[in-house]
C-alpha atoms as a PDB file:
ATOM      1  CA  MET A   1      -3.346   3.157  -1.740  1.00  0.00           C
ATOM      2  CA  ARG A   2      -0.455   1.574   0.244  1.00  0.00           C
ATOM      3  CA  LEU A   3      -1.246  -1.697   2.388  1.00  0.00           C
ATOM      4  CA  TYR A   4       0.733  -4.326   3.789  1.00  0.00           C
ATOM      5  CA  HIS A   5       0.486  -7.884   4.434  1.00  0.00           C
ATOM      6  CA  PHE A   6       2.242  -9.709   7.496  1.00  0.00           C
ATOM      7  CA  THR A   7       3.472 -12.852   7.632  1.00  0.00           C
ATOM      8  CA  SER A   8       6.287 -15.603   9.227  1.00  0.00           C
ATOM      9  CA  LEU A   9       9.534 -16.190   7.597  1.00  0.00           C
ATOM     10  CA  GLY A  10       8.544 -20.026   6.895  1.00  0.00           C
ATOM     11  CA  HIS A  11       5.316 -18.948   4.784  1.00  0.00           C
ATOM     12  CA  LEU A  12       7.780 -16.070   2.639  1.00  0.00           C
ATOM     13  CA  PRO A  13       9.335 -18.666   0.251  1.00  0.00           C
ATOM     14  CA  VAL A  14       6.058 -20.560  -0.245  1.00  0.00           C
ATOM     15  CA  ILE A  15       4.468 -17.476  -1.198  1.00  0.00           C
ATOM     16  CA  LEU A  16       6.843 -16.395  -3.595  1.00  0.00           C
ATOM     17  CA  ALA A  17       7.018 -19.923  -4.883  1.00  0.00           C
ATOM     18  CA  THR A  18       3.538 -20.717  -5.614  1.00  0.00           C
ATOM     19  CA  GLY A  19       3.003 -17.637  -7.289  1.00  0.00           C
ATOM     20  CA  GLY A  20       2.630 -15.072  -4.965  1.00  0.00           C
ATOM     21  CA  LEU A  21      -0.443 -14.391  -2.310  1.00  0.00           C
ATOM     22  CA  TRP A  22      -3.860 -15.841  -2.441  1.00  0.00           C
ATOM     23  CA  ARG A  23      -4.264 -18.541   0.284  1.00  0.00           C
ATOM     24  CA  GLY A  24      -5.666 -16.667   2.980  1.00  0.00           C
ATOM     25  CA  GLU A  25      -8.838 -17.520   4.866  1.00  0.00           C
ATOM     26  CA  VAL A  26     -11.482 -14.873   4.849  1.00  0.00           C
ATOM     27  CA  PRO A  27     -14.323 -16.151   7.580  1.00  0.00           C
ATOM     28  CA  VAL A  28     -17.899 -15.560   6.352  1.00  0.00           C
ATOM     29  CA  GLY A  29     -21.376 -16.923   7.426  1.00  0.00           C
ATOM     30  CA  ASP A  30     -21.207 -18.137  10.961  1.00  0.00           C
ATOM     31  CA  GLY A  31     -17.372 -17.832  10.707  1.00  0.00           C
ATOM     32  CA  SER A  32     -17.151 -21.859   9.893  1.00  0.00           C
ATOM     33  CA  ARG A  33     -16.601 -21.332   6.397  1.00  0.00           C
ATOM     34  CA  SER A  34     -14.282 -19.252   4.414  1.00  0.00           C
ATOM     35  CA  LEU A  35     -13.519 -17.348   1.132  1.00  0.00           C
ATOM     36  CA  ARG A  36      -9.948 -17.376   0.114  1.00  0.00           C
ATOM     37  CA  GLY A  37      -8.191 -14.383  -0.064  1.00  0.00           C
ATOM     38  CA  THR A  38      -5.470 -12.076   1.466  1.00  0.00           C
ATOM     39  CA  TRP A  39      -5.582  -9.772   4.636  1.00  0.00           C
ATOM     40  CA  PHE A  40      -4.046  -6.308   4.648  1.00  0.00           C
ATOM     41  CA  THR A  41      -3.739  -3.493   6.515  1.00  0.00           C
ATOM     42  CA  SER A  42      -2.866  -0.127   6.065  1.00  0.00           C
ATOM     43  CA  ASP A  43      -1.208   0.160   9.341  1.00  0.00           C
ATOM     44  CA  PRO A  44       2.331  -0.346   9.015  1.00  0.00           C
ATOM     45  CA  ASP A  45       2.701  -1.468  12.773  1.00  0.00           C
ATOM     46  CA  PRO A  46       1.963  -5.274  13.291  1.00  0.00           C
ATOM     47  CA  ARG A  47       1.442  -4.758  16.554  1.00  0.00           C
ATOM     48  CA  GLY A  48      -2.216  -5.120  18.145  1.00  0.00           C
ATOM     49  CA  HIS A  49      -3.898  -6.631  15.067  1.00  0.00           C
ATOM     50  CA  GLY A  50      -4.697 -10.266  16.634  1.00  0.00           C
ATOM     51  CA  LEU A  51      -1.385 -11.817  14.340  1.00  0.00           C
ATOM     52  CA  ASP A  52      -0.152 -13.062  18.110  1.00  0.00           C
ATOM     53  CA  GLY A  53      -1.208 -16.757  19.400  1.00  0.00           C
ATOM     54  CA  SER A  54      -0.030 -18.966  16.263  1.00  0.00           C
ATOM     55  CA  SER A  55       2.702 -21.522  16.567  1.00  0.00           C
ATOM     56  CA  ALA A  56       4.716 -19.248  13.642  1.00  0.00           C
ATOM     57  CA  ASP A  57       5.620 -15.327  14.050  1.00  0.00           C
ATOM     58  CA  LYS A  58       2.900 -13.395  11.367  1.00  0.00           C
ATOM     59  CA  ARG A  59       5.138 -10.535  12.225  1.00  0.00           C
ATOM     60  CA  GLU A  60       8.677 -11.323  10.978  1.00  0.00           C
ATOM     61  CA  VAL A  61       7.645 -10.553   7.289  1.00  0.00           C
ATOM     62  CA  ARG A  62       6.118  -7.050   6.262  1.00  0.00           C
ATOM     63  CA  ILE A  63       5.049  -7.318   2.087  1.00  0.00           C
ATOM     64  CA  ALA A  64       3.488  -4.253   0.652  1.00  0.00           C
ATOM     65  CA  VAL A  65       1.343  -3.623  -1.926  1.00  0.00           C
ATOM     66  CA  VAL A  66       0.081  -0.478  -3.714  1.00  0.00           C
ATOM     67  CA  PHE A  67      -3.352  -0.486  -5.123  1.00  0.00           C
ATOM     68  CA  PRO A  68      -4.820   1.700  -7.321  1.00  0.00           C
ATOM     69  CA  ARG A  69      -8.051   3.782  -5.478  1.00  0.00           C
ATOM     70  CA  SER A  70      -9.634   2.879  -8.566  1.00  0.00           C
ATOM     71  CA  ASP A  71      -9.523  -0.864  -7.734  1.00  0.00           C
ATOM     72  CA  ARG A  72     -12.879  -2.289  -6.599  1.00  0.00           C
ATOM     73  CA  THR A  73     -11.327  -5.860  -5.981  1.00  0.00           C
ATOM     74  CA  VAL A  74      -9.734  -4.405  -2.828  1.00  0.00           C
ATOM     75  CA  SER A  75     -12.831  -4.151  -0.072  1.00  0.00           C
ATOM     76  CA  HIS A  76     -12.740  -2.883   3.571  1.00  0.00           C
ATOM     77  CA  TRP A  77     -13.064  -5.311   5.854  1.00  0.00           C
ATOM     78  CA  LEU A  78     -15.791  -4.081   7.717  1.00  0.00           C
ATOM     79  CA  LYS A  79     -18.191  -3.367   4.962  1.00  0.00           C
ATOM     80  CA  PHE A  80     -17.055  -6.661   2.998  1.00  0.00           C
ATOM     81  CA  ALA A  81     -18.099  -8.756   6.511  1.00  0.00           C
ATOM     82  CA  ARG A  82     -21.431  -6.978   6.731  1.00  0.00           C
ATOM     83  CA  GLY A  83     -24.021  -9.335   5.278  1.00  0.00           C
ATOM     84  CA  ARG A  84     -21.235 -11.886   5.210  1.00  0.00           C
ATOM     85  CA  LEU A  85     -20.877 -12.920   8.501  1.00  0.00           C
ATOM     86  CA  ALA A  86     -22.984 -13.061  11.644  1.00  0.00           C
ATOM     87  CA  PRO A  87     -22.324  -9.565  13.562  1.00  0.00           C
ATOM     88  CA  ASP A  88     -21.271 -11.678  16.593  1.00  0.00           C
ATOM     89  CA  CYS A  89     -18.469 -13.220  14.532  1.00  0.00           C
ATOM     90  CA  ILE A  90     -17.372 -10.026  13.535  1.00  0.00           C
ATOM     91  CA  GLU A  91     -17.472  -8.131  16.672  1.00  0.00           C
ATOM     92  CA  GLU A  92     -15.047 -11.116  17.810  1.00  0.00           C
ATOM     93  CA  MET A  93     -12.618 -10.677  15.698  1.00  0.00           C
ATOM     94  CA  VAL A  94     -13.107  -7.179  16.078  1.00  0.00           C
ATOM     95  CA  ARG A  95     -12.406  -7.445  19.836  1.00  0.00           C
ATOM     96  CA  THR A  96      -9.383 -10.166  19.252  1.00  0.00           C
ATOM     97  CA  GLY A  97      -8.066  -8.019  16.610  1.00  0.00           C
ATOM     98  CA  GLY A  98      -6.916  -4.867  18.354  1.00  0.00           C
ATOM     99  CA  GLY A  99     -10.102  -3.525  18.630  1.00  0.00           C
ATOM    100  CA  LYS A 100     -12.371  -0.915  15.657  1.00  0.00           C
ATOM    101  CA  ARG A 101      -9.759   1.404  15.273  1.00  0.00           C
ATOM    102  CA  LYS A 102      -6.956  -1.599  14.264  1.00  0.00           C
ATOM    103  CA  ALA A 103     -10.299  -2.929  12.449  1.00  0.00           C
ATOM    104  CA  GLU A 104     -10.745   0.301  10.869  1.00  0.00           C
ATOM    105  CA  THR A 105      -7.607  -0.699   8.905  1.00  0.00           C
ATOM    106  CA  TRP A 106      -8.077  -4.163   7.795  1.00  0.00           C
ATOM    107  CA  TYR A 107      -8.619  -4.762   4.042  1.00  0.00           C
ATOM    108  CA  VAL A 108      -9.083  -8.161   2.154  1.00  0.00           C
ATOM    109  CA  TYR A 109      -8.510  -9.089  -1.521  1.00  0.00           C
ATOM    110  CA  PRO A 110      -9.944 -11.887  -2.923  1.00  0.00           C
ATOM    111  CA  THR A 111      -7.190 -12.415  -6.273  1.00  0.00           C
ATOM    112  CA  GLN A 112      -3.658 -13.581  -6.580  1.00  0.00           C
ATOM    113  CA  ILE A 113      -1.357 -11.171  -6.523  1.00  0.00           C
ATOM    114  CA  PRO A 114       1.856 -12.223  -7.997  1.00  0.00           C
ATOM    115  CA  PRO A 115       5.707 -11.445  -6.340  1.00  0.00           C
ATOM    116  CA  ASP A 116       6.216  -8.794  -8.996  1.00  0.00           C
ATOM    117  CA  GLU A 117       3.304  -6.444  -8.105  1.00  0.00           C
ATOM    118  CA  PHE A 118       5.083  -6.536  -4.537  1.00  0.00           C
ATOM    119  CA  ARG A 119       6.804  -3.231  -3.716  1.00  0.00           C
ATOM    120  CA  ALA A 120       8.726  -4.355  -0.872  1.00  0.00           C
ATOM    121  CA  VAL A 121       9.242  -7.471   1.319  1.00  0.00           C
ATOM    122  CA  GLU A 122      10.829  -6.534   4.404  1.00  0.00           C
ATOM    123  CA  PHE A 123      11.925  -8.264   7.198  1.00  0.00           C
ATOM    124  CA  ARG A 124      11.312  -7.423  10.748  1.00  0.00           C
ATOM    125  CA  ARG A 125      14.869  -6.045  12.620  1.00  0.00           C
ATOM    126  CA  GLU A 126      16.179  -5.726  16.117  1.00  0.00           C
ATOM    127  CA  GLY A 127      14.371  -3.731  18.079  1.00  0.00           C
ATOM    128  CA  GLY A 128      10.473  -4.162  16.339  1.00  0.00           C
ATOM    129  CA  GLY A 129      11.392  -2.276  12.721  1.00  0.00           C
ATOM    130  CA  TYR A 130      11.434  -3.072   9.338  1.00  0.00           C
ATOM    131  CA  SER A 131      13.703  -2.930   6.412  1.00  0.00           C
ATOM    132  CA  PRO A 132      13.899  -4.340   2.789  1.00  0.00           C
ATOM    133  CA  ALA A 133      14.779  -7.943   2.936  1.00  0.00           C
ATOM    134  CA  THR A 134      18.416  -8.717   1.237  1.00  0.00           C
ATOM    135  CA  PRO A 135      17.902 -11.587  -2.137  1.00  0.00           C
ATOM    136  CA  GLU A 136      20.114 -13.517   0.010  1.00  0.00           C
ATOM    137  CA  GLU A 137      18.096 -13.394   2.922  1.00  0.00           C
ATOM    138  CA  ILE A 138      14.683 -14.215   1.149  1.00  0.00           C
ATOM    139  CA  ALA A 139      16.884 -16.683  -0.678  1.00  0.00           C
ATOM    140  CA  ALA A 140      18.070 -18.763   2.997  1.00  0.00           C
ATOM    141  CA  ALA A 141      14.575 -18.276   4.110  1.00  0.00           C
ATOM    142  CA  VAL A 142      13.366 -22.031   4.968  1.00  0.00           C
ATOM    143  CA  PRO A 143       9.807 -23.070   4.364  1.00  0.00           C
ATOM    144  CA  HIS A 144       7.913 -24.510   7.616  1.00  0.00           C
ATOM    145  CA  GLU A 145       7.809 -28.176   7.479  1.00  0.00           C
ATOM    146  CA  GLY A 146       5.172 -29.454   5.042  1.00  0.00           C
ATOM    147  CA  LEU A 147       3.705 -26.501   3.832  1.00  0.00           C
ATOM    148  CA  LEU A 148       4.679 -26.250   0.393  1.00  0.00           C
ATOM    149  CA  GLU A 149       3.626 -29.995   0.437  1.00  0.00           C
ATOM    150  CA  ALA A 150       0.192 -28.659   1.374  1.00  0.00           C
ATOM    151  CA  VAL A 151      -0.036 -25.532  -0.640  1.00  0.00           C
ATOM    152  CA  ALA A 152       0.938 -28.083  -4.054  1.00  0.00           C
ATOM    153  CA  GLU A 153      -2.245 -30.295  -2.490  1.00  0.00           C
ATOM    154  CA  ASP A 154      -4.273 -28.023  -2.463  1.00  0.00           C
ATOM    155  CA  PHE A 155      -3.363 -26.197  -5.970  1.00  0.00           C
ATOM    156  CA  ARG A 156      -3.681 -30.406  -7.135  1.00  0.00           C
ATOM    157  CA  GLU A 157      -7.500 -30.290  -5.770  1.00  0.00           C
ATOM    158  CA  MET A 158      -8.512 -26.735  -6.899  1.00  0.00           C
ATOM    159  CA  ARG A 159      -7.233 -27.871 -10.575  1.00  0.00           C
ATOM    160  CA  ALA A 160      -9.321 -31.006 -10.093  1.00  0.00           C
ATOM    161  CA  LYS A 161     -12.418 -29.010  -8.891  1.00  0.00           C
ATOM    162  CA  ILE A 162     -11.972 -26.510 -12.097  1.00  0.00           C
ATOM    163  CA  ALA A 163     -11.617 -29.660 -14.371  1.00  0.00           C
ATOM    164  CA  ALA A 164     -14.922 -31.374 -13.179  1.00  0.00           C
ATOM    165  CA  ALA A 165     -17.076 -28.163 -13.351  1.00  0.00           C
END
């Protein structure tokens, strides 16, 4: 199953430098708590998925990952959310994320996905289409200010929690 993760150009170098996709937040409970996970969609078009409104354009980069159909770790979001997220929160996310038709394309994955498992890293081009990013384009991507440091601190905190357990 081919799924897509959309992100900003400023997030890409951090994703690559810190071992891949893993830092997304998947709301649970009343929506005030979250689990780590990566959001995906089976829809190659980023329009209408609620990616607007951020200071970073999360439609600049499209990362494709192929999961075996037998992989039970990848979860269809609507099924995942039932019993884990309050019904009014599910309704709000569906409404702001483009409606039920879009929500039916959403998946979450709770484990880190290293860059060598990416099938494609594509940049949005003039006119809105995507094409493969060249190694030079990827190398030229600049992280959002302070993001790499924030992720490194997050890693330190996670390691400390693991060591204390």
